[in-house]
């Protein structure tokens, strides 16, 4: 099982992990914790049999300026995170403000890059068949090799997600393919290109995803 935790500090993260372990210790034999440094989403060009281009990349994480959000901004972001196609009239009825005001607030959040993109998160197993997450340990890594690896992932239409991590492994890539044979071919090609920097890897078959959401209003509740 893989799950993500949003926390404002190491102390808060530690308290959440303590609560989980206290409740479910009977079911946990081993656990690994990594911190996401930054992440790259790639459009699913393989669905239309299109090769990757530089326009595929969507980045998040890293070093960003802190932006102050008021209660209305948080409600707007929460509603958009649940349904990015929701219209301004529906949001305005919730907030008791005009649709034009909602639109202006959304445009402001886009200018500030609080809102970067709108996208769907499909059930991959109903699209092409098989979804893998590969956890990769790296060594002998430098900026030149890092750029080469990123460009490889960017150009491969079956790689849809790349995460830089701090922890037991340093890189995660999500791969969506039609068959095990296609996955093995992709991994062999990846390893042949990056044998100098990949010290080890673990491939996980993700057969069910319960939830994926990039915004949680609850994190602001105690600010």
N, C-alpha and C. Protein backbone atom coordinates (compact mmCIF):
# COMPACT_ATOMS: atom_id res chain seq x y z
N UNK A 1 0.84 -1.19 0.00
CA UNK A 1 0.00 0.00 0.00
C UNK A 1 0.88 1.25 0.00
N UNK A 2 0.52 2.21 -0.84
CA UNK A 2 1.23 3.49 -0.91
C UNK A 2 0.23 4.59 -0.60
N UNK A 3 0.58 5.51 0.28
CA UNK A 3 -0.27 6.66 0.49
C UNK A 3 0.58 7.89 0.77
N UNK A 4 0.01 9.05 0.49
CA UNK A 4 0.71 10.31 0.68
C UNK A 4 0.14 11.07 1.86
N UNK A 5 1.01 11.80 2.54
CA UNK A 5 0.61 12.63 3.68
C UNK A 5 1.06 14.06 3.42
N UNK A 6 0.15 15.01 3.61
CA UNK A 6 0.52 16.42 3.57
C UNK A 6 0.71 16.91 4.99
N UNK A 7 1.87 17.51 5.28
CA UNK A 7 2.14 18.02 6.63
C UNK A 7 2.92 19.32 6.52
N UNK A 8 2.71 20.22 7.48
CA UNK A 8 3.38 21.51 7.45
C UNK A 8 4.75 21.47 8.11
N UNK A 9 5.05 20.42 8.85
CA UNK A 9 6.33 20.33 9.55
C UNK A 9 6.65 18.87 9.82
N UNK A 10 7.91 18.60 10.17
CA UNK A 10 8.31 17.24 10.51
C UNK A 10 7.60 16.77 11.78
N UNK A 11 7.35 17.70 12.69
CA UNK A 11 6.64 17.35 13.93
C UNK A 11 5.22 16.88 13.62
N UNK A 12 4.53 17.61 12.74
CA UNK A 12 3.16 17.22 12.37
C UNK A 12 3.17 15.87 11.67
N UNK A 13 4.13 15.66 10.76
CA UNK A 13 4.25 14.38 10.06
C UNK A 13 4.48 13.25 11.06
N UNK A 14 5.37 13.48 12.01
CA UNK A 14 5.67 12.46 13.01
C UNK A 14 4.43 12.10 13.83
N UNK A 15 3.63 13.10 14.19
CA UNK A 15 2.41 12.85 14.96
C UNK A 15 1.40 12.03 14.17
N UNK A 16 1.28 12.32 12.87
CA UNK A 16 0.36 11.57 12.01
C UNK A 16 0.82 10.11 11.90
N UNK A 17 2.12 9.91 11.70
CA UNK A 17 2.65 8.55 11.58
C UNK A 17 2.49 7.78 12.89
N UNK A 18 2.67 8.46 14.02
CA UNK A 18 2.45 7.82 15.32
C UNK A 18 1.02 7.33 15.45
N UNK A 19 0.08 8.17 15.04
CA UNK A 19 -1.34 7.81 15.14
C UNK A 19 -1.64 6.59 14.26
N UNK A 20 -1.10 6.59 13.04
CA UNK A 20 -1.32 5.45 12.13
C UNK A 20 -0.73 4.18 12.73
N UNK A 21 0.50 4.27 13.21
CA UNK A 21 1.17 3.08 13.76
C UNK A 21 0.50 2.57 15.03
N UNK A 22 0.00 3.48 15.86
CA UNK A 22 -0.68 3.07 17.08
C UNK A 22 -1.99 2.33 16.78
N UNK A 23 -2.68 2.75 15.72
CA UNK A 23 -3.96 2.15 15.37
C UNK A 23 -3.80 0.84 14.61
N UNK A 24 -2.77 0.77 13.75
CA UNK A 24 -2.70 -0.34 12.80
C UNK A 24 -1.41 -1.14 12.89
N UNK A 25 -0.72 -1.10 14.03
CA UNK A 25 0.58 -1.75 14.14
C UNK A 25 0.50 -3.26 13.86
N UNK A 26 -0.63 -3.88 14.14
CA UNK A 26 -0.78 -5.32 13.91
C UNK A 26 -0.67 -5.69 12.43
N UNK A 27 -0.97 -4.71 11.56
CA UNK A 27 -1.00 -4.98 10.12
C UNK A 27 0.25 -4.47 9.40
N UNK A 28 1.16 -3.83 10.13
CA UNK A 28 2.34 -3.22 9.50
C UNK A 28 3.59 -3.99 9.89
N UNK A 29 4.18 -4.65 8.93
CA UNK A 29 5.43 -5.37 9.16
C UNK A 29 6.63 -4.48 8.87
N UNK A 30 6.51 -3.66 7.84
CA UNK A 30 7.63 -2.84 7.39
C UNK A 30 7.07 -1.58 6.73
N UNK A 31 7.78 -0.47 6.86
CA UNK A 31 7.34 0.76 6.20
C UNK A 31 8.54 1.56 5.73
N UNK A 32 8.36 2.26 4.63
CA UNK A 32 9.39 3.13 4.07
C UNK A 32 8.80 4.51 3.87
N UNK A 33 9.56 5.53 4.20
CA UNK A 33 9.08 6.90 4.12
C UNK A 33 10.01 7.70 3.20
N UNK A 34 9.43 8.38 2.22
CA UNK A 34 10.21 9.28 1.36
C UNK A 34 9.52 10.64 1.32
N UNK A 35 10.29 11.66 1.08
CA UNK A 35 9.77 13.01 0.94
C UNK A 35 9.86 13.41 -0.53
N UNK A 36 8.77 13.92 -1.07
CA UNK A 36 8.77 14.38 -2.46
C UNK A 36 9.45 15.74 -2.53
N UNK A 37 10.49 15.82 -3.35
CA UNK A 37 11.18 17.09 -3.58
C UNK A 37 10.44 17.88 -4.67
N UNK A 38 10.23 17.24 -5.80
CA UNK A 38 9.41 17.83 -6.86
C UNK A 38 8.89 16.71 -7.75
N UNK A 39 7.92 17.03 -8.58
CA UNK A 39 7.30 16.00 -9.41
C UNK A 39 6.99 16.57 -10.78
N UNK A 40 6.92 15.67 -11.76
CA UNK A 40 6.63 16.05 -13.14
C UNK A 40 5.52 15.15 -13.66
N UNK A 41 4.41 15.75 -14.06
CA UNK A 41 3.36 15.01 -14.75
C UNK A 41 3.62 15.11 -16.25
N UNK A 42 3.28 14.03 -16.97
CA UNK A 42 3.39 14.05 -18.42
C UNK A 42 2.03 13.68 -19.01
N UNK A 43 1.62 14.37 -20.05
CA UNK A 43 0.36 14.05 -20.70
C UNK A 43 0.41 12.63 -21.26
N UNK A 44 -0.74 11.98 -21.30
CA UNK A 44 -0.82 10.59 -21.76
C UNK A 44 -0.89 10.53 -23.29
N UNK A 45 0.22 10.89 -23.91
CA UNK A 45 0.27 10.91 -25.37
C UNK A 45 0.15 9.52 -25.98
N UNK A 46 0.46 8.49 -25.21
CA UNK A 46 0.37 7.14 -25.75
C UNK A 46 -1.06 6.77 -26.13
N UNK A 47 -2.04 7.43 -25.52
CA UNK A 47 -3.44 7.12 -25.82
C UNK A 47 -3.81 7.49 -27.26
N UNK A 48 -3.09 8.46 -27.81
CA UNK A 48 -3.35 8.86 -29.20
C UNK A 48 -2.16 8.51 -30.09
N UNK A 49 -1.31 7.59 -29.57
CA UNK A 49 -0.15 7.11 -30.31
C UNK A 49 0.74 8.26 -30.79
N UNK A 50 0.98 9.18 -29.88
CA UNK A 50 1.79 10.35 -30.18
C UNK A 50 3.06 10.30 -29.36
N UNK A 51 4.18 10.63 -29.98
CA UNK A 51 5.46 10.67 -29.26
C UNK A 51 5.49 11.89 -28.36
N UNK A 52 6.27 11.81 -27.28
CA UNK A 52 6.35 12.91 -26.33
C UNK A 52 7.04 14.13 -26.90
N UNK A 53 6.67 15.29 -26.42
CA UNK A 53 7.30 16.55 -26.81
C UNK A 53 7.57 17.35 -25.55
N UNK A 54 8.25 18.47 -25.68
CA UNK A 54 8.56 19.30 -24.51
C UNK A 54 7.30 19.90 -23.90
N UNK A 55 6.17 19.86 -24.58
CA UNK A 55 4.93 20.42 -24.06
C UNK A 55 4.21 19.47 -23.11
N UNK A 56 4.76 18.26 -22.94
CA UNK A 56 4.08 17.26 -22.10
C UNK A 56 4.22 17.54 -20.62
N UNK A 57 5.23 18.30 -20.20
CA UNK A 57 5.62 18.36 -18.79
C UNK A 57 4.77 19.33 -17.97
N UNK A 58 4.32 18.86 -16.80
CA UNK A 58 3.66 19.69 -15.79
C UNK A 58 4.44 19.49 -14.49
N UNK A 59 4.98 20.56 -13.93
CA UNK A 59 5.81 20.43 -12.74
C UNK A 59 5.09 20.94 -11.50
N UNK A 60 5.41 20.34 -10.36
CA UNK A 60 4.94 20.88 -9.08
C UNK A 60 5.93 20.51 -7.99
N UNK A 61 5.85 21.22 -6.87
CA UNK A 61 6.81 21.00 -5.79
C UNK A 61 8.01 21.92 -5.95
N UNK A 62 9.09 21.56 -5.26
CA UNK A 62 10.30 22.38 -5.30
C UNK A 62 10.19 23.58 -4.40
N UNK A 63 11.01 24.59 -4.68
CA UNK A 63 11.04 25.81 -3.87
C UNK A 63 10.08 26.83 -4.46
N UNK A 64 9.06 27.18 -3.70
CA UNK A 64 8.06 28.15 -4.15
C UNK A 64 7.83 29.19 -3.08
N UNK A 65 7.40 30.36 -3.53
CA UNK A 65 7.06 31.41 -2.59
C UNK A 65 5.73 31.10 -1.90
N UNK A 66 5.67 31.37 -0.61
CA UNK A 66 4.43 31.14 0.13
C UNK A 66 3.43 32.23 -0.22
N UNK A 67 2.21 31.84 -0.54
CA UNK A 67 1.16 32.78 -0.92
C UNK A 67 0.03 32.68 0.08
N UNK A 68 -0.43 33.83 0.52
CA UNK A 68 -1.51 33.86 1.49
C UNK A 68 -2.86 33.62 0.79
N UNK A 69 -3.65 32.71 1.35
CA UNK A 69 -4.97 32.41 0.81
C UNK A 69 -6.03 32.73 1.86
N UNK A 70 -7.13 33.35 1.42
CA UNK A 70 -8.21 33.58 2.37
C UNK A 70 -9.21 32.42 2.28
N UNK A 71 -10.25 32.49 3.10
CA UNK A 71 -11.20 31.38 3.20
C UNK A 71 -11.90 31.11 1.88
N UNK A 72 -12.22 32.18 1.13
CA UNK A 72 -12.90 32.00 -0.15
C UNK A 72 -11.98 31.33 -1.18
N UNK A 73 -10.72 31.72 -1.20
CA UNK A 73 -9.75 31.07 -2.09
C UNK A 73 -9.67 29.57 -1.81
N UNK A 74 -9.64 29.23 -0.53
CA UNK A 74 -9.53 27.82 -0.13
C UNK A 74 -10.75 27.03 -0.58
N UNK A 75 -11.95 27.62 -0.44
CA UNK A 75 -13.17 26.94 -0.89
C UNK A 75 -13.15 26.76 -2.40
N UNK A 76 -12.73 27.78 -3.13
CA UNK A 76 -12.65 27.69 -4.60
C UNK A 76 -11.69 26.58 -5.01
N UNK A 77 -10.52 26.53 -4.39
CA UNK A 77 -9.54 25.50 -4.73
C UNK A 77 -10.06 24.11 -4.38
N UNK A 78 -10.76 24.02 -3.27
CA UNK A 78 -11.31 22.73 -2.87
C UNK A 78 -12.35 22.24 -3.88
N UNK A 79 -13.22 23.12 -4.32
CA UNK A 79 -14.26 22.74 -5.27
C UNK A 79 -13.65 22.40 -6.63
N UNK A 80 -12.65 23.16 -7.06
CA UNK A 80 -11.99 22.86 -8.33
C UNK A 80 -11.21 21.56 -8.27
N UNK A 81 -10.63 21.26 -7.12
CA UNK A 81 -9.86 20.02 -6.99
C UNK A 81 -10.74 18.79 -7.08
N UNK A 82 -12.01 18.94 -6.71
CA UNK A 82 -12.96 17.83 -6.80
C UNK A 82 -13.56 17.73 -8.20
N UNK A 83 -13.72 18.87 -8.85
CA UNK A 83 -14.30 18.88 -10.20
C UNK A 83 -13.80 20.14 -10.91
N UNK A 84 -12.76 19.99 -11.73
CA UNK A 84 -12.16 21.16 -12.38
C UNK A 84 -13.06 21.76 -13.45
N UNK A 85 -14.17 21.08 -13.79
CA UNK A 85 -15.10 21.61 -14.79
C UNK A 85 -16.28 22.34 -14.15
N UNK A 86 -16.29 22.45 -12.85
CA UNK A 86 -17.38 23.14 -12.18
C UNK A 86 -17.42 24.60 -12.66
N UNK A 87 -18.62 25.15 -12.82
CA UNK A 87 -18.71 26.52 -13.35
C UNK A 87 -18.78 27.54 -12.22
N UNK A 88 -18.58 28.79 -12.59
CA UNK A 88 -18.50 29.88 -11.60
C UNK A 88 -19.83 30.10 -10.89
N UNK A 89 -20.95 29.77 -11.56
CA UNK A 89 -22.27 29.95 -10.92
C UNK A 89 -22.42 29.01 -9.73
N UNK A 90 -22.00 27.76 -9.91
CA UNK A 90 -22.09 26.79 -8.81
C UNK A 90 -21.20 27.21 -7.64
N UNK A 91 -20.00 27.69 -7.95
CA UNK A 91 -19.09 28.14 -6.88
C UNK A 91 -19.65 29.37 -6.19
N UNK A 92 -20.21 30.28 -6.97
CA UNK A 92 -20.73 31.53 -6.39
C UNK A 92 -21.90 31.27 -5.44
N UNK A 93 -22.72 30.26 -5.77
CA UNK A 93 -23.84 29.95 -4.88
C UNK A 93 -23.36 29.40 -3.55
N UNK A 94 -22.23 28.73 -3.55
CA UNK A 94 -21.65 28.22 -2.31
C UNK A 94 -21.05 29.35 -1.47
N UNK A 95 -20.41 30.30 -2.14
CA UNK A 95 -19.71 31.38 -1.43
C UNK A 95 -20.56 32.63 -1.20
N UNK A 96 -21.74 32.68 -1.84
CA UNK A 96 -22.62 33.85 -1.73
C UNK A 96 -21.96 35.10 -2.29
N UNK A 97 -21.25 34.94 -3.41
CA UNK A 97 -20.68 36.07 -4.13
C UNK A 97 -21.04 35.93 -5.60
N UNK A 98 -20.75 36.94 -6.41
CA UNK A 98 -21.15 36.91 -7.81
C UNK A 98 -20.24 35.98 -8.62
N UNK A 99 -20.76 35.42 -9.72
CA UNK A 99 -19.92 34.59 -10.60
C UNK A 99 -18.71 35.35 -11.14
N UNK A 100 -18.88 36.64 -11.43
CA UNK A 100 -17.74 37.44 -11.93
C UNK A 100 -16.63 37.52 -10.89
N UNK A 101 -17.00 37.64 -9.62
CA UNK A 101 -16.00 37.68 -8.56
C UNK A 101 -15.26 36.35 -8.47
N UNK A 102 -15.99 35.26 -8.63
CA UNK A 102 -15.36 33.94 -8.63
C UNK A 102 -14.36 33.84 -9.76
N UNK A 103 -14.75 34.28 -10.97
CA UNK A 103 -13.86 34.22 -12.13
C UNK A 103 -12.60 35.03 -11.89
N UNK A 104 -12.76 36.21 -11.32
CA UNK A 104 -11.60 37.06 -11.04
C UNK A 104 -10.66 36.42 -10.02
N UNK A 105 -11.24 35.77 -9.03
CA UNK A 105 -10.42 35.09 -8.03
C UNK A 105 -9.66 33.92 -8.66
N UNK A 106 -10.33 33.17 -9.52
CA UNK A 106 -9.66 32.05 -10.18
C UNK A 106 -8.52 32.55 -11.07
N UNK A 107 -8.77 33.63 -11.82
CA UNK A 107 -7.73 34.20 -12.67
C UNK A 107 -6.53 34.66 -11.85
N UNK A 108 -6.81 35.24 -10.67
CA UNK A 108 -5.73 35.67 -9.79
C UNK A 108 -4.92 34.48 -9.31
N UNK A 109 -5.59 33.40 -8.92
CA UNK A 109 -4.90 32.18 -8.47
C UNK A 109 -4.07 31.57 -9.60
N UNK A 110 -4.54 31.71 -10.83
CA UNK A 110 -3.77 31.24 -11.99
C UNK A 110 -2.55 32.11 -12.21
N UNK A 111 -2.71 33.44 -12.10
CA UNK A 111 -1.56 34.35 -12.27
C UNK A 111 -0.49 34.09 -11.23
N UNK A 112 -0.91 33.81 -10.00
CA UNK A 112 0.02 33.53 -8.91
C UNK A 112 0.60 32.11 -8.99
N UNK A 113 0.10 31.32 -9.94
CA UNK A 113 0.51 29.93 -10.15
C UNK A 113 0.18 29.02 -8.97
N UNK A 114 -0.83 29.46 -8.19
CA UNK A 114 -1.42 28.54 -7.21
C UNK A 114 -2.16 27.46 -7.99
N UNK A 115 -2.90 27.89 -9.02
CA UNK A 115 -3.48 26.96 -10.00
C UNK A 115 -2.55 26.94 -11.20
N UNK A 116 -1.99 25.77 -11.49
CA UNK A 116 -1.06 25.65 -12.62
C UNK A 116 -1.72 24.99 -13.83
N UNK A 117 -2.52 23.94 -13.58
CA UNK A 117 -3.12 23.20 -14.68
C UNK A 117 -4.44 22.60 -14.23
N UNK A 118 -5.23 22.22 -15.21
CA UNK A 118 -6.45 21.44 -14.98
C UNK A 118 -6.28 20.12 -15.73
N UNK A 119 -6.55 19.02 -15.05
CA UNK A 119 -6.37 17.72 -15.71
C UNK A 119 -7.28 16.68 -15.07
N UNK A 120 -7.48 15.60 -15.82
CA UNK A 120 -8.23 14.47 -15.29
C UNK A 120 -7.26 13.46 -14.70
N UNK A 121 -7.75 12.61 -13.81
CA UNK A 121 -6.95 11.52 -13.26
C UNK A 121 -7.71 10.22 -13.50
N UNK A 122 -7.49 9.57 -14.64
CA UNK A 122 -8.32 8.43 -15.03
C UNK A 122 -7.96 7.14 -14.31
N UNK A 123 -8.86 6.17 -14.40
CA UNK A 123 -8.59 4.82 -13.95
C UNK A 123 -7.80 4.14 -15.06
N UNK A 124 -6.49 4.06 -14.89
CA UNK A 124 -5.59 3.59 -15.95
C UNK A 124 -5.91 2.16 -16.36
N UNK A 125 -6.30 1.33 -15.39
CA UNK A 125 -6.57 -0.07 -15.70
C UNK A 125 -7.76 -0.24 -16.65
N UNK A 126 -8.56 0.80 -16.80
CA UNK A 126 -9.67 0.75 -17.75
C UNK A 126 -9.30 1.38 -19.10
N UNK A 127 -8.11 1.98 -19.16
CA UNK A 127 -7.66 2.62 -20.39
C UNK A 127 -6.82 1.67 -21.24
N UNK A 128 -5.63 1.36 -20.74
CA UNK A 128 -4.68 0.57 -21.51
C UNK A 128 -4.36 -0.78 -20.89
N UNK A 129 -4.58 -0.91 -19.60
CA UNK A 129 -4.39 -2.23 -19.03
C UNK A 129 -3.56 -2.31 -17.78
N UNK A 130 -2.30 -1.84 -17.78
CA UNK A 130 -1.42 -2.10 -16.65
C UNK A 130 -0.70 -0.81 -16.22
N UNK A 131 -0.68 -0.60 -14.92
CA UNK A 131 -0.07 0.60 -14.34
C UNK A 131 1.02 0.15 -13.39
N UNK A 132 2.25 0.60 -13.64
CA UNK A 132 3.40 0.27 -12.79
C UNK A 132 3.99 1.53 -12.18
N UNK A 133 4.43 1.41 -10.94
CA UNK A 133 5.26 2.43 -10.30
C UNK A 133 6.62 1.79 -10.05
N UNK A 134 7.68 2.44 -10.51
CA UNK A 134 9.03 1.91 -10.38
C UNK A 134 9.82 2.81 -9.42
N UNK A 135 10.32 2.21 -8.34
CA UNK A 135 11.13 2.92 -7.34
C UNK A 135 12.60 2.68 -7.67
N UNK A 136 13.35 3.76 -7.84
CA UNK A 136 14.70 3.65 -8.40
C UNK A 136 15.73 4.23 -7.43
N UNK A 137 16.78 3.45 -7.17
CA UNK A 137 17.93 3.92 -6.40
C UNK A 137 19.02 4.39 -7.36
N UNK A 138 19.54 5.56 -7.09
CA UNK A 138 20.53 6.17 -7.99
C UNK A 138 21.88 6.33 -7.30
N UNK A 139 22.94 6.32 -8.11
CA UNK A 139 24.27 6.68 -7.63
C UNK A 139 25.02 7.31 -8.80
N UNK A 140 26.17 7.89 -8.51
CA UNK A 140 26.99 8.49 -9.57
C UNK A 140 26.18 9.47 -10.41
N UNK A 141 25.36 10.27 -9.72
CA UNK A 141 24.39 11.15 -10.38
C UNK A 141 24.94 12.57 -10.44
N UNK A 142 24.85 13.23 -11.60
CA UNK A 142 25.23 14.63 -11.72
C UNK A 142 24.21 15.35 -12.60
N UNK A 143 24.39 16.67 -12.78
CA UNK A 143 23.39 17.46 -13.51
C UNK A 143 23.24 17.01 -14.95
N UNK A 144 24.34 16.65 -15.59
CA UNK A 144 24.28 16.22 -16.99
C UNK A 144 23.46 14.93 -17.13
N UNK A 145 23.71 13.97 -16.26
CA UNK A 145 22.98 12.70 -16.30
C UNK A 145 21.53 12.88 -15.88
N UNK A 146 21.32 13.82 -14.95
CA UNK A 146 19.96 14.11 -14.52
C UNK A 146 19.13 14.66 -15.67
N UNK A 147 19.70 15.60 -16.43
CA UNK A 147 18.99 16.17 -17.58
C UNK A 147 18.71 15.12 -18.65
N UNK A 148 19.67 14.23 -18.86
CA UNK A 148 19.48 13.16 -19.84
C UNK A 148 18.33 12.25 -19.42
N UNK A 149 18.26 11.92 -18.13
CA UNK A 149 17.19 11.06 -17.62
C UNK A 149 15.83 11.76 -17.76
N UNK A 150 15.77 13.04 -17.41
CA UNK A 150 14.51 13.77 -17.51
C UNK A 150 14.03 13.84 -18.95
N UNK A 151 14.96 14.09 -19.87
CA UNK A 151 14.59 14.18 -21.28
C UNK A 151 14.09 12.84 -21.81
N UNK A 152 14.69 11.76 -21.32
CA UNK A 152 14.25 10.42 -21.71
C UNK A 152 12.79 10.21 -21.28
N UNK A 153 12.50 10.52 -20.02
CA UNK A 153 11.13 10.35 -19.50
C UNK A 153 10.15 11.27 -20.23
N UNK A 154 10.60 12.46 -20.55
CA UNK A 154 9.75 13.43 -21.24
C UNK A 154 9.36 12.93 -22.62
N UNK A 155 10.28 12.26 -23.29
CA UNK A 155 10.04 11.83 -24.66
C UNK A 155 9.35 10.47 -24.75
N UNK A 156 9.27 9.74 -23.65
CA UNK A 156 8.64 8.42 -23.69
C UNK A 156 7.15 8.55 -23.37
N UNK A 157 6.27 8.27 -24.32
CA UNK A 157 4.83 8.51 -24.10
C UNK A 157 4.19 7.62 -23.04
N UNK A 158 4.85 6.51 -22.66
CA UNK A 158 4.27 5.61 -21.66
C UNK A 158 4.70 5.96 -20.23
N UNK A 159 5.64 6.88 -20.07
CA UNK A 159 6.01 7.38 -18.74
C UNK A 159 5.18 8.62 -18.47
N UNK A 160 4.34 8.56 -17.44
CA UNK A 160 3.36 9.62 -17.22
C UNK A 160 3.62 10.44 -15.95
N UNK A 161 4.57 10.01 -15.14
CA UNK A 161 4.78 10.68 -13.85
C UNK A 161 6.19 10.40 -13.39
N UNK A 162 6.90 11.43 -12.95
CA UNK A 162 8.26 11.28 -12.44
C UNK A 162 8.40 12.10 -11.16
N UNK A 163 8.94 11.49 -10.12
CA UNK A 163 9.05 12.14 -8.81
C UNK A 163 10.49 12.04 -8.32
N UNK A 164 11.05 13.18 -7.91
CA UNK A 164 12.33 13.18 -7.20
C UNK A 164 12.06 13.03 -5.71
N UNK A 165 12.75 12.10 -5.06
CA UNK A 165 12.47 11.78 -3.66
C UNK A 165 13.72 11.92 -2.80
N UNK A 166 13.48 12.09 -1.52
CA UNK A 166 14.53 12.04 -0.51
C UNK A 166 14.15 10.93 0.47
N UNK A 167 14.92 9.84 0.45
CA UNK A 167 14.57 8.71 1.31
C UNK A 167 15.24 7.44 0.85
N UNK A 168 14.52 6.32 0.99
CA UNK A 168 15.08 5.01 0.66
C UNK A 168 15.34 4.84 -0.82
N UNK A 169 14.65 5.57 -1.68
CA UNK A 169 14.95 5.62 -3.11
C UNK A 169 14.90 7.08 -3.54
N UNK A 170 15.47 7.38 -4.69
CA UNK A 170 15.64 8.77 -5.11
C UNK A 170 14.73 9.18 -6.27
N UNK A 171 14.11 8.20 -6.90
CA UNK A 171 13.31 8.50 -8.08
C UNK A 171 12.14 7.53 -8.17
N UNK A 172 10.99 8.04 -8.60
CA UNK A 172 9.83 7.21 -8.91
C UNK A 172 9.37 7.56 -10.32
N UNK A 173 9.08 6.54 -11.10
CA UNK A 173 8.46 6.79 -12.40
C UNK A 173 7.21 5.93 -12.52
N UNK A 174 6.14 6.52 -13.04
CA UNK A 174 4.89 5.79 -13.27
C UNK A 174 4.80 5.46 -14.76
N UNK A 175 4.51 4.20 -15.04
CA UNK A 175 4.49 3.71 -16.42
C UNK A 175 3.14 3.05 -16.69
N UNK A 176 2.54 3.39 -17.82
CA UNK A 176 1.26 2.81 -18.22
C UNK A 176 1.43 2.10 -19.56
N UNK A 177 1.13 0.82 -19.58
CA UNK A 177 1.37 0.00 -20.77
C UNK A 177 0.20 -0.96 -21.00
N UNK A 178 0.20 -1.61 -22.17
CA UNK A 178 -0.85 -2.56 -22.50
C UNK A 178 -0.54 -3.96 -22.01
N UNK A 179 0.75 -4.28 -21.82
CA UNK A 179 1.11 -5.66 -21.48
C UNK A 179 2.39 -5.70 -20.66
N UNK A 180 2.62 -6.83 -20.01
CA UNK A 180 3.86 -7.04 -19.27
C UNK A 180 5.05 -6.99 -20.22
N UNK A 181 4.89 -7.52 -21.41
CA UNK A 181 5.97 -7.53 -22.40
C UNK A 181 6.39 -6.10 -22.76
N UNK A 182 5.41 -5.22 -22.91
CA UNK A 182 5.71 -3.83 -23.22
C UNK A 182 6.44 -3.16 -22.07
N UNK A 183 6.03 -3.49 -20.84
CA UNK A 183 6.70 -2.94 -19.66
C UNK A 183 8.16 -3.42 -19.59
N UNK A 184 8.39 -4.71 -19.80
CA UNK A 184 9.75 -5.26 -19.75
C UNK A 184 10.63 -4.61 -20.81
N UNK A 185 10.08 -4.39 -22.00
CA UNK A 185 10.84 -3.76 -23.08
C UNK A 185 11.24 -2.33 -22.69
N UNK A 186 10.29 -1.60 -22.09
CA UNK A 186 10.57 -0.22 -21.68
C UNK A 186 11.64 -0.19 -20.59
N UNK A 187 11.52 -1.08 -19.59
CA UNK A 187 12.48 -1.12 -18.49
C UNK A 187 13.87 -1.50 -18.98
N UNK A 188 13.95 -2.46 -19.89
CA UNK A 188 15.25 -2.85 -20.43
C UNK A 188 15.91 -1.68 -21.17
N UNK A 189 15.11 -0.95 -21.92
CA UNK A 189 15.65 0.21 -22.63
C UNK A 189 16.11 1.28 -21.65
N UNK A 190 15.29 1.51 -20.60
CA UNK A 190 15.65 2.49 -19.58
C UNK A 190 16.96 2.12 -18.90
N UNK A 191 17.10 0.87 -18.50
CA UNK A 191 18.31 0.41 -17.81
C UNK A 191 19.53 0.45 -18.72
N UNK A 192 19.35 0.15 -19.99
CA UNK A 192 20.49 0.19 -20.91
C UNK A 192 20.98 1.62 -21.12
N UNK A 193 20.07 2.59 -21.02
CA UNK A 193 20.45 4.00 -21.17
C UNK A 193 21.06 4.59 -19.90
N UNK A 194 20.67 4.02 -18.73
CA UNK A 194 21.09 4.63 -17.47
C UNK A 194 21.73 3.62 -16.51
N UNK A 195 22.43 2.64 -17.05
CA UNK A 195 23.08 1.62 -16.23
C UNK A 195 24.14 2.21 -15.31
N UNK A 196 24.72 3.35 -15.69
CA UNK A 196 25.77 3.98 -14.88
C UNK A 196 25.23 4.61 -13.61
N UNK A 197 23.95 4.95 -13.61
CA UNK A 197 23.42 5.69 -12.46
C UNK A 197 22.35 4.92 -11.68
N UNK A 198 21.78 3.87 -12.26
CA UNK A 198 20.76 3.08 -11.55
C UNK A 198 21.44 1.93 -10.81
N UNK A 199 21.39 1.98 -9.49
CA UNK A 199 22.02 0.92 -8.69
C UNK A 199 21.03 -0.21 -8.38
N UNK A 200 19.73 0.13 -8.33
CA UNK A 200 18.72 -0.88 -8.03
C UNK A 200 17.34 -0.30 -8.34
N UNK A 201 16.36 -1.17 -8.52
CA UNK A 201 14.99 -0.68 -8.73
C UNK A 201 13.99 -1.73 -8.26
N UNK A 202 12.79 -1.26 -7.93
CA UNK A 202 11.68 -2.14 -7.56
C UNK A 202 10.46 -1.74 -8.38
N UNK A 203 9.84 -2.71 -9.03
CA UNK A 203 8.66 -2.44 -9.85
C UNK A 203 7.41 -2.90 -9.10
N UNK A 204 6.42 -2.02 -8.98
CA UNK A 204 5.17 -2.33 -8.30
C UNK A 204 4.02 -2.24 -9.31
N UNK A 205 3.18 -3.24 -9.34
CA UNK A 205 1.98 -3.20 -10.18
C UNK A 205 0.84 -2.60 -9.37
N UNK A 206 0.39 -1.41 -9.77
CA UNK A 206 -0.70 -0.72 -9.07
C UNK A 206 -2.01 -1.16 -9.70
N UNK A 207 -2.77 -1.99 -9.00
CA UNK A 207 -3.99 -2.53 -9.60
C UNK A 207 -5.24 -1.79 -9.17
N UNK A 208 -5.15 -0.94 -8.15
CA UNK A 208 -6.31 -0.14 -7.77
C UNK A 208 -5.84 1.13 -7.08
N UNK A 209 -6.41 2.24 -7.49
CA UNK A 209 -6.08 3.53 -6.88
C UNK A 209 -7.37 4.12 -6.31
N UNK A 210 -7.38 4.37 -5.02
CA UNK A 210 -8.61 4.80 -4.35
C UNK A 210 -8.84 6.30 -4.46
N UNK A 211 -7.77 7.05 -4.40
CA UNK A 211 -7.94 8.51 -4.38
C UNK A 211 -6.64 9.19 -4.76
N UNK A 212 -6.75 10.24 -5.55
CA UNK A 212 -5.58 11.09 -5.82
C UNK A 212 -6.07 12.52 -5.90
N UNK A 213 -5.60 13.35 -5.00
CA UNK A 213 -6.06 14.73 -4.93
C UNK A 213 -4.89 15.62 -4.54
N UNK A 214 -4.68 16.68 -5.30
CA UNK A 214 -3.52 17.53 -5.07
C UNK A 214 -3.80 18.69 -4.11
N UNK A 215 -5.03 18.82 -3.65
CA UNK A 215 -5.35 19.90 -2.71
C UNK A 215 -6.27 19.37 -1.62
N UNK A 216 -5.94 19.67 -0.39
CA UNK A 216 -6.77 19.29 0.75
C UNK A 216 -6.98 20.51 1.63
N UNK A 217 -8.22 20.96 1.73
CA UNK A 217 -8.50 22.18 2.50
C UNK A 217 -8.24 21.98 3.99
N UNK A 218 -8.29 20.70 4.45
CA UNK A 218 -8.11 20.43 5.87
C UNK A 218 -6.75 20.87 6.39
N UNK A 219 -5.75 20.94 5.49
CA UNK A 219 -4.40 21.32 5.93
C UNK A 219 -4.37 22.77 6.41
N UNK A 220 -5.39 23.56 6.02
CA UNK A 220 -5.43 24.97 6.43
C UNK A 220 -6.26 25.17 7.70
N UNK A 221 -6.87 24.12 8.21
CA UNK A 221 -7.85 24.26 9.29
C UNK A 221 -7.24 24.79 10.58
N UNK A 222 -5.97 24.49 10.83
CA UNK A 222 -5.35 24.91 12.09
C UNK A 222 -4.38 26.07 11.94
N UNK A 223 -4.42 26.72 10.75
CA UNK A 223 -3.50 27.86 10.56
C UNK A 223 -3.99 29.08 11.31
